[in-house]
């Protein structure tokens, strides 16, 4: 029996993200920036939460990290597996799972990363607690999100105004783009966070092409 009050929401998310594959092209260049920002080095045990098509996990594995990639959507994990084969990195451990119930033992990883993934978990406090649980003592967490005032954040706002509201108690994903909110959510579970702004470029021939 599933006692998760957001089980239906997660099922809808799983189905929605199945079509994300082509869009991952836009997020691939961010992965190199993320790996550098997280300070990942050869030999690190790394967990990529919300790995999608695996762009961040594969980038970390190229450096010699020991990587696990977790995602809610099996169709994306199939693409991640294919991408890893193309990159000749067959040792990445892919697993279907939930950011709010990470299927790993305590203190398993040196680094936990998430590139536009963990932010869609409905309960930030649960996702943060889970990421903290699987970190080794002295481990670190790094993630990429979108500022609410820029393009993607404004798109989220537009979609939100024209879509059914989320279930009661589900936190809006764009709040993860607010540094003040992030600092509050990490709270005393981590050392003081620091932030870095970057630019994500969209390779498109025109606005209609991008749309």
C-alpha atoms as a PDB file:
ATOM      1  CA  UNK A   1       0.000   0.000   0.000  1.00  0.00           C
ATOM      2  CA  UNK A   2       1.368   3.440  -0.957  1.00  0.00           C
ATOM      3  CA  UNK A   3       0.959   5.987   1.850  1.00  0.00           C
ATOM      4  CA  UNK A   4       2.575   8.833  -0.099  1.00  0.00           C
ATOM      5  CA  UNK A   5      -0.026  11.645  -0.240  1.00  0.00           C
ATOM      6  CA  UNK A   6       1.578  12.847  -3.474  1.00  0.00           C
ATOM      7  CA  UNK A   7       1.590   9.489  -5.259  1.00  0.00           C
ATOM      8  CA  UNK A   8      -0.892  10.677  -7.900  1.00  0.00           C
ATOM      9  CA  UNK A   9       1.093  13.856  -8.512  1.00  0.00           C
ATOM     10  CA  UNK A  10       4.305  11.877  -8.929  1.00  0.00           C
ATOM     11  CA  UNK A  11       2.619   9.523 -11.366  1.00  0.00           C
ATOM     12  CA  UNK A  12       1.556  12.509 -13.462  1.00  0.00           C
ATOM     13  CA  UNK A  13       5.083  13.914 -13.265  1.00  0.00           C
ATOM     14  CA  UNK A  14       6.499  10.564 -14.348  1.00  0.00           C
ATOM     15  CA  UNK A  15       4.266  10.559 -17.407  1.00  0.00           C
ATOM     16  CA  UNK A  16       4.913  14.226 -18.217  1.00  0.00           C
ATOM     17  CA  UNK A  17       8.713  13.979 -18.031  1.00  0.00           C
ATOM     18  CA  UNK A  18       8.755  11.001 -20.403  1.00  0.00           C
ATOM     19  CA  UNK A  19       8.775  13.513 -23.284  1.00  0.00           C
ATOM     20  CA  UNK A  20      11.659  15.603 -21.875  1.00  0.00           C
ATOM     21  CA  UNK A  21      14.404  13.890 -23.919  1.00  0.00           C
ATOM     22  CA  UNK A  22      14.819  16.430 -26.763  1.00  0.00           C
ATOM     23  CA  UNK A  23      14.867  19.336 -24.301  1.00  0.00           C
ATOM     24  CA  UNK A  24      17.868  17.838 -22.505  1.00  0.00           C
ATOM     25  CA  UNK A  25      19.972  19.233 -25.344  1.00  0.00           C
ATOM     26  CA  UNK A  26      19.568  22.682 -23.776  1.00  0.00           C
ATOM     27  CA  UNK A  27      20.720  21.526 -20.336  1.00  0.00           C
ATOM     28  CA  UNK A  28      23.813  19.606 -21.462  1.00  0.00           C
ATOM     29  CA  UNK A  29      26.231  22.586 -21.413  1.00  0.00           C
ATOM     30  CA  UNK A  30      25.160  23.354 -17.831  1.00  0.00           C
ATOM     31  CA  UNK A  31      26.500  19.976 -16.693  1.00  0.00           C
ATOM     32  CA  UNK A  32      30.148  20.961 -17.087  1.00  0.00           C
ATOM     33  CA  UNK A  33      29.561  24.092 -15.055  1.00  0.00           C
ATOM     34  CA  UNK A  34      27.801  22.051 -12.370  1.00  0.00           C
ATOM     35  CA  UNK A  35      30.609  19.513 -12.079  1.00  0.00           C
ATOM     36  CA  UNK A  36      33.153  22.298 -11.623  1.00  0.00           C
ATOM     37  CA  UNK A  37      30.943  24.148  -9.154  1.00  0.00           C
ATOM     38  CA  UNK A  38      30.467  20.986  -7.078  1.00  0.00           C
ATOM     39  CA  UNK A  39      34.215  20.361  -6.996  1.00  0.00           C
ATOM     40  CA  UNK A  40      33.830  16.776  -8.188  1.00  0.00           C
ATOM     41  CA  UNK A  41      37.156  14.941  -8.510  1.00  0.00           C
ATOM     42  CA  UNK A  42      38.177  11.430  -9.607  1.00  0.00           C
ATOM     43  CA  UNK A  43      37.106   8.798  -7.113  1.00  0.00           C
ATOM     44  CA  UNK A  44      34.232  10.785  -5.607  1.00  0.00           C
ATOM     45  CA  UNK A  45      31.042   8.815  -4.998  1.00  0.00           C
ATOM     46  CA  UNK A  46      28.392  10.988  -6.649  1.00  0.00           C
ATOM     47  CA  UNK A  47      24.595  10.791  -6.705  1.00  0.00           C
ATOM     48  CA  UNK A  48      22.716  12.685  -9.412  1.00  0.00           C
ATOM     49  CA  UNK A  49      19.115  13.220  -8.253  1.00  0.00           C
ATOM     50  CA  UNK A  50      16.651  13.692 -11.109  1.00  0.00           C
ATOM     51  CA  UNK A  51      19.276  12.641 -13.622  1.00  0.00           C
ATOM     52  CA  UNK A  52      16.904  12.721 -16.615  1.00  0.00           C
ATOM     53  CA  UNK A  53      18.853  11.663 -19.702  1.00  0.00           C
ATOM     54  CA  UNK A  54      22.031  11.504 -17.636  1.00  0.00           C
ATOM     55  CA  UNK A  55      23.920  14.552 -18.884  1.00  0.00           C
ATOM     56  CA  UNK A  56      25.239  15.542 -15.445  1.00  0.00           C
ATOM     57  CA  UNK A  57      25.952  11.983 -14.321  1.00  0.00           C
ATOM     58  CA  UNK A  58      27.885  11.266 -17.520  1.00  0.00           C
ATOM     59  CA  UNK A  59      29.879  14.497 -17.200  1.00  0.00           C
ATOM     60  CA  UNK A  60      30.875  13.579 -13.636  1.00  0.00           C
ATOM     61  CA  UNK A  61      31.783  10.044 -14.683  1.00  0.00           C
ATOM     62  CA  UNK A  62      34.081  11.403 -17.395  1.00  0.00           C
ATOM     63  CA  UNK A  63      36.201  12.866 -14.596  1.00  0.00           C
ATOM     64  CA  UNK A  64      36.543   9.471 -12.955  1.00  0.00           C
ATOM     65  CA  UNK A  65      33.802   9.839 -10.333  1.00  0.00           C
ATOM     66  CA  UNK A  66      31.792   6.794  -9.255  1.00  0.00           C
ATOM     67  CA  UNK A  67      28.293   7.868 -10.232  1.00  0.00           C
ATOM     68  CA  UNK A  68      24.738   6.797  -9.508  1.00  0.00           C
ATOM     69  CA  UNK A  69      21.931   8.432 -11.469  1.00  0.00           C
ATOM     70  CA  UNK A  70      18.375   8.378 -10.109  1.00  0.00           C
ATOM     71  CA  UNK A  71      15.179   9.472 -11.820  1.00  0.00           C
ATOM     72  CA  UNK A  72      11.441   9.057 -11.413  1.00  0.00           C
ATOM     73  CA  UNK A  73      10.838   8.348 -15.107  1.00  0.00           C
ATOM     74  CA  UNK A  74      11.930   5.021 -16.645  1.00  0.00           C
ATOM     75  CA  UNK A  75      11.818   6.364 -20.210  1.00  0.00           C
ATOM     76  CA  UNK A  76      14.448   8.958 -19.345  1.00  0.00           C
ATOM     77  CA  UNK A  77      16.625   6.342 -17.656  1.00  0.00           C
ATOM     78  CA  UNK A  78      16.544   4.300 -20.861  1.00  0.00           C
ATOM     79  CA  UNK A  79      17.903   7.318 -22.715  1.00  0.00           C
ATOM     80  CA  UNK A  80      20.493   7.893 -19.993  1.00  0.00           C
ATOM     81  CA  UNK A  81      21.693   4.310 -20.354  1.00  0.00           C
ATOM     82  CA  UNK A  82      21.997   4.754 -24.129  1.00  0.00           C
ATOM     83  CA  UNK A  83      23.852   8.044 -23.698  1.00  0.00           C
ATOM     84  CA  UNK A  84      26.288   6.433 -21.281  1.00  0.00           C
ATOM     85  CA  UNK A  85      26.945   3.641 -23.778  1.00  0.00           C
ATOM     86  CA  UNK A  86      27.666   6.225 -26.479  1.00  0.00           C
ATOM     87  CA  UNK A  87      30.042   7.975 -24.075  1.00  0.00           C
ATOM     88  CA  UNK A  88      31.683   4.602 -23.286  1.00  0.00           C
ATOM     89  CA  UNK A  89      30.876   4.925 -19.600  1.00  0.00           C
ATOM     90  CA  UNK A  90      29.080   1.671 -18.820  1.00  0.00           C
ATOM     91  CA  UNK A  91      29.708   1.722 -15.051  1.00  0.00           C
ATOM     92  CA  UNK A  92      27.198   4.417 -14.097  1.00  0.00           C
ATOM     93  CA  UNK A  93      24.514   2.849 -11.884  1.00  0.00           C
ATOM     94  CA  UNK A  94      21.080   3.984 -13.078  1.00  0.00           C
ATOM     95  CA  UNK A  95      18.064   3.505 -10.824  1.00  0.00           C
ATOM     96  CA  UNK A  96      14.415   4.494 -10.901  1.00  0.00           C
ATOM     97  CA  UNK A  97      13.422   6.209  -7.695  1.00  0.00           C
ATOM     98  CA  UNK A  98      11.988   9.173  -5.836  1.00  0.00           C
ATOM     99  CA  UNK A  99      13.935  12.185  -4.526  1.00  0.00           C
ATOM    100  CA  UNK A 100      11.775  11.998  -1.397  1.00  0.00           C
ATOM    101  CA  UNK A 101      12.735   8.375  -0.693  1.00  0.00           C
ATOM    102  CA  UNK A 102      16.268   7.822  -1.989  1.00  0.00           C
ATOM    103  CA  UNK A 103      16.961   4.078  -2.314  1.00  0.00           C
ATOM    104  CA  UNK A 104      20.487   4.260  -0.877  1.00  0.00           C
ATOM    105  CA  UNK A 105      21.983   3.638   2.575  1.00  0.00           C
ATOM    106  CA  UNK A 106      22.974   6.425   4.909  1.00  0.00           C
ATOM    107  CA  UNK A 107      26.330   8.130   4.271  1.00  0.00           C
ATOM    108  CA  UNK A 108      26.801   6.630   0.781  1.00  0.00           C
ATOM    109  CA  UNK A 109      28.043   9.612  -1.239  1.00  0.00           C
ATOM    110  CA  UNK A 110      30.721  12.292  -1.172  1.00  0.00           C
ATOM    111  CA  UNK A 111      28.635  14.590  -3.377  1.00  0.00           C
ATOM    112  CA  UNK A 112      24.912  14.834  -4.158  1.00  0.00           C
ATOM    113  CA  UNK A 113      24.013  16.928  -7.198  1.00  0.00           C
ATOM    114  CA  UNK A 114      20.799  17.817  -8.977  1.00  0.00           C
ATOM    115  CA  UNK A 115      20.438  19.740 -12.204  1.00  0.00           C
ATOM    116  CA  UNK A 116      16.868  21.045 -12.430  1.00  0.00           C
ATOM    117  CA  UNK A 117      15.628  17.803 -10.858  1.00  0.00           C
ATOM    118  CA  UNK A 118      15.098  17.835  -7.080  1.00  0.00           C
ATOM    119  CA  UNK A 119      13.175  21.113  -7.371  1.00  0.00           C
ATOM    120  CA  UNK A 120      10.096  19.234  -8.610  1.00  0.00           C
ATOM    121  CA  UNK A 121       9.782  17.109  -5.472  1.00  0.00           C
ATOM    122  CA  UNK A 122       6.594  18.359  -3.783  1.00  0.00           C
ATOM    123  CA  UNK A 123       8.064  18.495  -0.252  1.00  0.00           C
ATOM    124  CA  UNK A 124      11.396  20.339  -0.165  1.00  0.00           C
ATOM    125  CA  UNK A 125      11.993  19.479   3.479  1.00  0.00           C
ATOM    126  CA  UNK A 126      11.723  15.757   2.709  1.00  0.00           C
ATOM    127  CA  UNK A 127      13.997  15.966  -0.347  1.00  0.00           C
ATOM    128  CA  UNK A 128      16.612  17.967   1.594  1.00  0.00           C
ATOM    129  CA  UNK A 129      16.510  15.504   4.492  1.00  0.00           C
ATOM    130  CA  UNK A 130      16.984  12.572   2.113  1.00  0.00           C
ATOM    131  CA  UNK A 131      19.924  14.199   0.310  1.00  0.00           C
ATOM    132  CA  UNK A 132      21.499  14.984   3.675  1.00  0.00           C
ATOM    133  CA  UNK A 133      20.943  11.418   4.875  1.00  0.00           C
ATOM    134  CA  UNK A 134      22.830   9.786   2.005  1.00  0.00           C
ATOM    135  CA  UNK A 135      25.796  12.186   2.252  1.00  0.00           C
ATOM    136  CA  UNK A 136      28.935  11.102   4.030  1.00  0.00           C
ATOM    137  CA  UNK A 137      30.122  13.294   6.920  1.00  0.00           C
ATOM    138  CA  UNK A 138      31.689  16.377   5.381  1.00  0.00           C
ATOM    139  CA  UNK A 139      30.000  15.685   2.042  1.00  0.00           C
ATOM    140  CA  UNK A 140      28.545  18.418  -0.111  1.00  0.00           C
ATOM    141  CA  UNK A 141      25.433  19.114  -2.123  1.00  0.00           C
ATOM    142  CA  UNK A 142      25.159  21.238  -5.270  1.00  0.00           C
ATOM    143  CA  UNK A 143      22.255  21.949  -7.563  1.00  0.00           C
ATOM    144  CA  UNK A 144      21.175  24.128 -10.467  1.00  0.00           C
ATOM    145  CA  UNK A 145      17.817  25.879 -10.555  1.00  0.00           C
ATOM    146  CA  UNK A 146      16.277  28.771 -12.478  1.00  0.00           C
ATOM    147  CA  UNK A 147      15.761  32.292 -11.029  1.00  0.00           C
ATOM    148  CA  UNK A 148      12.029  33.060 -10.958  1.00  0.00           C
ATOM    149  CA  UNK A 149      12.504  36.460 -12.592  1.00  0.00           C
ATOM    150  CA  UNK A 150      14.203  35.168 -15.755  1.00  0.00           C
ATOM    151  CA  UNK A 151      12.941  33.253 -18.799  1.00  0.00           C
ATOM    152  CA  UNK A 152      12.350  29.765 -17.375  1.00  0.00           C
ATOM    153  CA  UNK A 153      11.020  31.091 -14.085  1.00  0.00           C
ATOM    154  CA  UNK A 154       8.588  33.329 -15.943  1.00  0.00           C
ATOM    155  CA  UNK A 155       7.535  30.362 -18.082  1.00  0.00           C
ATOM    156  CA  UNK A 156       6.797  28.433 -14.890  1.00  0.00           C
ATOM    157  CA  UNK A 157       4.653  31.342 -13.718  1.00  0.00           C
ATOM    158  CA  UNK A 158       2.784  31.400 -17.041  1.00  0.00           C
ATOM    159  CA  UNK A 159       2.136  27.656 -16.920  1.00  0.00           C
ATOM    160  CA  UNK A 160       1.045  27.927 -13.302  1.00  0.00           C
ATOM    161  CA  UNK A 161      -1.552  30.551 -14.182  1.00  0.00           C
ATOM    162  CA  UNK A 162      -3.004  28.289 -16.868  1.00  0.00           C
ATOM    163  CA  UNK A 163      -2.855  24.871 -15.226  1.00  0.00           C
ATOM    164  CA  UNK A 164      -4.727  23.149 -12.389  1.00  0.00           C
ATOM    165  CA  UNK A 165      -3.244  24.016  -8.983  1.00  0.00           C
ATOM    166  CA  UNK A 166      -0.921  21.461  -7.351  1.00  0.00           C
ATOM    167  CA  UNK A 167      -2.255  19.383  -4.468  1.00  0.00           C
ATOM    168  CA  UNK A 168      -2.390  21.128  -1.076  1.00  0.00           C
ATOM    169  CA  UNK A 169       1.016  21.067   0.594  1.00  0.00           C
ATOM    170  CA  UNK A 170       3.054  20.799  -2.627  1.00  0.00           C
ATOM    171  CA  UNK A 171       5.673  23.546  -2.860  1.00  0.00           C
ATOM    172  CA  UNK A 172       6.027  25.403  -6.183  1.00  0.00           C
ATOM    173  CA  UNK A 173       9.229  24.396  -7.997  1.00  0.00           C
ATOM    174  CA  UNK A 174      10.283  27.998  -8.862  1.00  0.00           C
ATOM    175  CA  UNK A 175      10.872  28.787  -5.174  1.00  0.00           C
ATOM    176  CA  UNK A 176      14.109  26.795  -5.491  1.00  0.00           C
ATOM    177  CA  UNK A 177      15.404  29.677  -7.624  1.00  0.00           C
ATOM    178  CA  UNK A 178      15.195  32.139  -4.720  1.00  0.00           C
ATOM    179  CA  UNK A 179      18.490  32.212  -2.734  1.00  0.00           C
ATOM    180  CA  UNK A 180      16.722  33.304   0.459  1.00  0.00           C
ATOM    181  CA  UNK A 181      14.322  30.364   0.256  1.00  0.00           C
ATOM    182  CA  UNK A 182      17.189  27.973  -0.502  1.00  0.00           C
ATOM    183  CA  UNK A 183      19.146  29.184   2.537  1.00  0.00           C
ATOM    184  CA  UNK A 184      16.079  28.708   4.730  1.00  0.00           C
ATOM    185  CA  UNK A 185      15.434  25.202   3.412  1.00  0.00           C
ATOM    186  CA  UNK A 186      19.006  24.055   3.940  1.00  0.00           C
ATOM    187  CA  UNK A 187      18.985  25.693   7.370  1.00  0.00           C
ATOM    188  CA  UNK A 188      21.181  24.103   9.995  1.00  0.00           C
ATOM    189  CA  UNK A 189      21.499  20.852   8.039  1.00  0.00           C
ATOM    190  CA  UNK A 190      24.464  22.229   6.047  1.00  0.00           C
ATOM    191  CA  UNK A 191      27.118  24.885   6.261  1.00  0.00           C
ATOM    192  CA  UNK A 192      26.123  28.292   4.894  1.00  0.00           C
ATOM    193  CA  UNK A 193      25.340  27.917   1.166  1.00  0.00           C
ATOM    194  CA  UNK A 194      26.904  30.002  -1.571  1.00  0.00           C
ATOM    195  CA  UNK A 195      25.511  30.819  -4.972  1.00  0.00           C
ATOM    196  CA  UNK A 196      26.725  31.481  -8.478  1.00  0.00           C
ATOM    197  CA  UNK A 197      24.767  32.854 -11.412  1.00  0.00           C
ATOM    198  CA  UNK A 198      25.263  31.478 -14.905  1.00  0.00           C
ATOM    199  CA  UNK A 199      23.661  31.749 -18.331  1.00  0.00           C
ATOM    200  CA  UNK A 200      21.931  28.817 -20.015  1.00  0.00           C
ATOM    201  CA  UNK A 201      21.878  29.334 -23.774  1.00  0.00           C
ATOM    202  CA  UNK A 202      19.191  27.904 -26.030  1.00  0.00           C
ATOM    203  CA  UNK A 203      20.398  26.738 -29.433  1.00  0.00           C
ATOM    204  CA  UNK A 204      17.450  27.572 -31.673  1.00  0.00           C
ATOM    205  CA  UNK A 205      16.989  29.087 -35.132  1.00  0.00           C
ATOM    206  CA  UNK A 206      14.180  31.405 -34.030  1.00  0.00           C
ATOM    207  CA  UNK A 207      11.631  31.964 -31.278  1.00  0.00           C
ATOM    208  CA  UNK A 208       9.057  29.740 -33.092  1.00  0.00           C
ATOM    209  CA  UNK A 209      11.715  27.049 -33.456  1.00  0.00           C
ATOM    210  CA  UNK A 210      12.493  27.214 -29.749  1.00  0.00           C
ATOM    211  CA  UNK A 211       8.778  27.105 -28.895  1.00  0.00           C
END
